[in-house]
């Protein structure tokens, strides 16, 4: 490399000085996102028996040919959007 240039791999998320810390932080963030997703889908699956709206969203997804896990994820996404609708 010419003088004054540095290899890019020496900087950023996986630079040697912080590699272990950043990999650990990435794992924490991925695990917390996974747990949130599992909690939302569990809530959505349980809510479809108690809420006619949720049952209708689930039934529409199933009628379009979605399998159970996909239909529950569709319901979970719809549940998350509801509080922000005007």
N, C-alpha and C. Protein backbone atom coordinates (compact mmCIF):
# COMPACT_ATOMS: atom_id res chain seq x y z
N UNK A 1 0.85 -1.18 0.00
CA UNK A 1 0.00 0.00 0.00
C UNK A 1 0.90 1.24 0.00
N UNK A 2 0.45 2.29 -0.64
CA UNK A 2 1.22 3.54 -0.64
C UNK A 2 1.32 4.12 0.78
N UNK A 3 2.35 4.93 1.02
CA UNK A 3 2.49 5.57 2.33
C UNK A 3 1.26 6.44 2.62
N UNK A 4 0.83 6.43 3.87
CA UNK A 4 -0.32 7.24 4.27
C UNK A 4 -1.65 6.52 4.14
N UNK A 5 -1.68 5.35 3.52
CA UNK A 5 -2.91 4.57 3.38
C UNK A 5 -2.91 3.44 4.41
N UNK A 6 -4.07 3.10 4.88
CA UNK A 6 -4.21 2.00 5.83
C UNK A 6 -5.22 1.01 5.27
N UNK A 7 -5.05 -0.22 5.63
CA UNK A 7 -6.03 -1.22 5.20
C UNK A 7 -7.33 -1.00 5.97
N UNK A 8 -8.43 -1.09 5.26
CA UNK A 8 -9.73 -0.83 5.87
C UNK A 8 -10.04 -1.86 6.95
N UNK A 9 -9.54 -3.06 6.82
CA UNK A 9 -9.88 -4.09 7.80
C UNK A 9 -9.40 -3.74 9.21
N UNK A 10 -8.52 -2.74 9.34
CA UNK A 10 -8.03 -2.34 10.65
C UNK A 10 -9.03 -1.44 11.39
N UNK A 11 -10.11 -1.07 10.77
CA UNK A 11 -11.09 -0.15 11.36
C UNK A 11 -12.46 -0.81 11.37
N UNK A 12 -13.38 -0.22 12.10
CA UNK A 12 -14.76 -0.68 12.03
C UNK A 12 -15.14 -1.64 13.14
N UNK A 13 -16.25 -2.32 12.92
CA UNK A 13 -16.82 -3.19 13.95
C UNK A 13 -15.90 -4.32 14.37
N UNK A 14 -15.19 -4.88 13.44
CA UNK A 14 -14.39 -6.06 13.75
C UNK A 14 -12.89 -5.76 13.83
N UNK A 15 -12.55 -4.52 14.17
CA UNK A 15 -11.14 -4.19 14.38
C UNK A 15 -10.62 -5.02 15.55
N UNK A 16 -9.38 -5.42 15.50
CA UNK A 16 -8.82 -6.33 16.50
C UNK A 16 -9.03 -5.86 17.93
N UNK A 17 -8.88 -4.58 18.18
CA UNK A 17 -8.98 -4.08 19.55
C UNK A 17 -10.35 -4.25 20.18
N UNK A 18 -11.40 -4.29 19.36
CA UNK A 18 -12.77 -4.36 19.88
C UNK A 18 -13.55 -5.56 19.35
N UNK A 19 -12.88 -6.46 18.67
CA UNK A 19 -13.58 -7.56 17.99
C UNK A 19 -14.42 -8.39 18.95
N UNK A 20 -13.85 -8.84 20.06
CA UNK A 20 -14.59 -9.71 20.99
C UNK A 20 -15.79 -8.98 21.59
N UNK A 21 -15.58 -7.70 21.95
CA UNK A 21 -16.69 -6.92 22.52
C UNK A 21 -17.81 -6.71 21.51
N UNK A 22 -17.45 -6.40 20.27
CA UNK A 22 -18.47 -6.13 19.27
C UNK A 22 -19.21 -7.40 18.85
N UNK A 23 -18.51 -8.51 18.77
CA UNK A 23 -19.20 -9.77 18.45
C UNK A 23 -20.16 -10.14 19.56
N UNK A 24 -19.75 -9.95 20.81
CA UNK A 24 -20.64 -10.22 21.95
C UNK A 24 -21.87 -9.31 21.90
N UNK A 25 -21.67 -8.04 21.56
CA UNK A 25 -22.79 -7.09 21.49
C UNK A 25 -23.73 -7.47 20.35
N UNK A 26 -23.18 -7.88 19.22
CA UNK A 26 -24.02 -8.31 18.10
C UNK A 26 -24.87 -9.52 18.48
N UNK A 27 -24.27 -10.46 19.20
CA UNK A 27 -25.03 -11.64 19.66
C UNK A 27 -26.15 -11.23 20.60
N UNK A 28 -25.86 -10.29 21.53
CA UNK A 28 -26.91 -9.82 22.46
C UNK A 28 -28.07 -9.21 21.70
N UNK A 29 -27.76 -8.37 20.72
CA UNK A 29 -28.82 -7.71 19.96
C UNK A 29 -29.65 -8.72 19.16
N UNK A 30 -28.99 -9.70 18.56
CA UNK A 30 -29.72 -10.71 17.80
C UNK A 30 -30.61 -11.55 18.70
N UNK A 31 -30.13 -11.91 19.87
CA UNK A 31 -30.92 -12.72 20.81
C UNK A 31 -32.12 -11.93 21.31
N UNK A 32 -31.92 -10.64 21.64
CA UNK A 32 -33.05 -9.85 22.14
C UNK A 32 -34.11 -9.67 21.06
N UNK A 33 -33.67 -9.50 19.80
CA UNK A 33 -34.64 -9.38 18.70
C UNK A 33 -35.40 -10.68 18.51
N UNK A 34 -34.72 -11.80 18.65
CA UNK A 34 -35.36 -13.11 18.51
C UNK A 34 -36.41 -13.30 19.61
N UNK A 35 -36.06 -12.94 20.84
CA UNK A 35 -37.01 -13.08 21.94
C UNK A 35 -38.23 -12.18 21.75
N UNK A 36 -38.02 -10.97 21.27
CA UNK A 36 -39.14 -10.07 21.01
C UNK A 36 -40.05 -10.65 19.94
N UNK A 37 -39.47 -11.18 18.88
CA UNK A 37 -40.28 -11.80 17.82
C UNK A 37 -41.07 -12.98 18.32
N UNK A 38 -40.45 -13.81 19.17
CA UNK A 38 -41.16 -14.96 19.73
C UNK A 38 -42.30 -14.51 20.64
N UNK A 39 -42.07 -13.46 21.43
CA UNK A 39 -43.12 -12.96 22.32
C UNK A 39 -44.29 -12.39 21.52
N UNK A 40 -43.99 -11.66 20.44
CA UNK A 40 -45.07 -11.09 19.62
C UNK A 40 -45.88 -12.17 18.93
N UNK A 41 -45.22 -13.18 18.39
CA UNK A 41 -45.99 -14.23 17.72
C UNK A 41 -46.79 -15.06 18.71
N UNK A 42 -46.26 -15.27 19.90
CA UNK A 42 -47.01 -16.00 20.93
C UNK A 42 -48.26 -15.21 21.33
N UNK A 43 -48.10 -13.89 21.52
CA UNK A 43 -49.23 -13.04 21.86
C UNK A 43 -50.26 -13.05 20.74
N UNK A 44 -49.80 -12.94 19.50
CA UNK A 44 -50.72 -12.92 18.36
C UNK A 44 -51.48 -14.24 18.25
N UNK A 45 -50.77 -15.35 18.45
CA UNK A 45 -51.42 -16.65 18.35
C UNK A 45 -52.48 -16.81 19.43
N UNK A 46 -52.19 -16.36 20.64
CA UNK A 46 -53.17 -16.45 21.72
C UNK A 46 -54.33 -15.48 21.53
N UNK A 47 -54.07 -14.33 20.91
CA UNK A 47 -55.12 -13.32 20.78
C UNK A 47 -56.14 -13.69 19.71
N UNK A 48 -55.79 -14.58 18.80
CA UNK A 48 -56.76 -14.89 17.74
C UNK A 48 -57.98 -15.61 18.25
N UNK A 49 -57.90 -16.26 19.42
CA UNK A 49 -59.08 -16.90 20.00
C UNK A 49 -59.95 -15.90 20.76
N UNK A 50 -59.34 -14.81 21.24
CA UNK A 50 -60.08 -13.85 22.07
C UNK A 50 -60.63 -12.67 21.27
N UNK A 51 -60.06 -12.39 20.12
CA UNK A 51 -60.44 -11.18 19.37
C UNK A 51 -61.01 -11.56 18.00
N UNK A 52 -62.23 -11.10 17.71
CA UNK A 52 -62.79 -11.36 16.38
C UNK A 52 -61.95 -10.72 15.26
N UNK A 53 -61.39 -9.54 15.52
CA UNK A 53 -60.54 -8.88 14.52
C UNK A 53 -59.31 -9.74 14.22
N UNK A 54 -58.68 -10.24 15.27
CA UNK A 54 -57.48 -11.07 15.09
C UNK A 54 -57.84 -12.38 14.38
N UNK A 55 -58.99 -12.95 14.72
CA UNK A 55 -59.42 -14.18 14.06
C UNK A 55 -59.66 -13.94 12.56
N UNK A 56 -60.20 -12.75 12.23
CA UNK A 56 -60.45 -12.43 10.83
C UNK A 56 -59.13 -12.23 10.06
N UNK A 57 -58.16 -11.55 10.68
CA UNK A 57 -56.86 -11.35 10.03
C UNK A 57 -56.19 -12.72 9.79
N UNK A 58 -56.23 -13.57 10.79
CA UNK A 58 -55.65 -14.92 10.68
C UNK A 58 -56.37 -15.72 9.58
N UNK A 59 -57.70 -15.68 9.56
CA UNK A 59 -58.48 -16.43 8.57
C UNK A 59 -58.18 -15.94 7.16
N UNK A 60 -58.03 -14.60 6.97
CA UNK A 60 -57.69 -14.07 5.65
C UNK A 60 -56.32 -14.59 5.19
N UNK A 61 -55.37 -14.62 6.11
CA UNK A 61 -54.04 -15.11 5.76
C UNK A 61 -54.09 -16.60 5.39
N UNK A 62 -54.84 -17.39 6.15
CA UNK A 62 -54.96 -18.82 5.85
C UNK A 62 -55.68 -19.03 4.51
N UNK A 63 -56.69 -18.20 4.21
CA UNK A 63 -57.42 -18.36 2.95
C UNK A 63 -56.54 -18.03 1.74
N UNK A 64 -55.50 -17.22 1.95
CA UNK A 64 -54.56 -16.91 0.87
C UNK A 64 -53.52 -18.02 0.69
N UNK A 65 -53.60 -19.06 1.52
CA UNK A 65 -52.71 -20.20 1.36
C UNK A 65 -51.50 -20.20 2.29
N UNK A 66 -51.47 -19.31 3.27
CA UNK A 66 -50.35 -19.27 4.20
C UNK A 66 -50.48 -20.41 5.20
N UNK A 67 -49.35 -20.98 5.60
CA UNK A 67 -49.39 -21.99 6.65
C UNK A 67 -49.54 -21.30 8.01
N UNK A 68 -49.73 -22.08 9.06
CA UNK A 68 -50.01 -21.52 10.39
C UNK A 68 -48.93 -20.55 10.87
N UNK A 69 -47.63 -20.91 10.86
CA UNK A 69 -46.63 -19.96 11.37
C UNK A 69 -46.60 -18.64 10.60
N UNK A 70 -46.77 -18.72 9.27
CA UNK A 70 -46.77 -17.49 8.48
C UNK A 70 -47.99 -16.64 8.78
N UNK A 71 -49.15 -17.27 8.92
CA UNK A 71 -50.37 -16.53 9.24
C UNK A 71 -50.27 -15.85 10.61
N UNK A 72 -49.63 -16.52 11.56
CA UNK A 72 -49.45 -15.91 12.89
C UNK A 72 -48.50 -14.72 12.80
N UNK A 73 -47.45 -14.82 11.98
CA UNK A 73 -46.54 -13.68 11.82
C UNK A 73 -47.25 -12.50 11.16
N UNK A 74 -48.14 -12.77 10.21
CA UNK A 74 -48.93 -11.71 9.58
C UNK A 74 -49.81 -11.04 10.63
N UNK A 75 -50.43 -11.83 11.47
CA UNK A 75 -51.26 -11.29 12.55
C UNK A 75 -50.42 -10.48 13.53
N UNK A 76 -49.24 -10.94 13.85
CA UNK A 76 -48.36 -10.20 14.78
C UNK A 76 -47.99 -8.84 14.19
N UNK A 77 -47.66 -8.81 12.90
CA UNK A 77 -47.32 -7.53 12.26
C UNK A 77 -48.53 -6.60 12.26
N UNK A 78 -49.71 -7.15 12.02
CA UNK A 78 -50.92 -6.31 12.04
C UNK A 78 -51.18 -5.79 13.45
N UNK A 79 -50.96 -6.61 14.46
CA UNK A 79 -51.13 -6.18 15.86
C UNK A 79 -50.18 -5.04 16.21
N UNK A 80 -48.95 -5.10 15.72
CA UNK A 80 -47.98 -4.06 16.03
C UNK A 80 -48.36 -2.75 15.36
N UNK A 81 -48.94 -2.81 14.19
CA UNK A 81 -49.31 -1.59 13.46
C UNK A 81 -50.54 -0.90 14.03
N UNK A 82 -51.43 -1.59 14.71
CA UNK A 82 -52.71 -1.03 15.15
C UNK A 82 -52.57 0.23 16.00
N UNK A 83 -51.71 0.27 17.03
CA UNK A 83 -51.66 1.46 17.87
C UNK A 83 -51.24 2.72 17.13
N UNK A 84 -50.55 2.61 15.98
CA UNK A 84 -50.08 3.78 15.28
C UNK A 84 -51.02 4.23 14.17
N UNK A 85 -52.10 3.51 13.96
CA UNK A 85 -53.05 3.93 12.94
C UNK A 85 -53.93 5.03 13.49
N UNK A 86 -54.25 5.97 12.63
CA UNK A 86 -55.09 7.12 13.05
C UNK A 86 -56.55 6.81 12.91
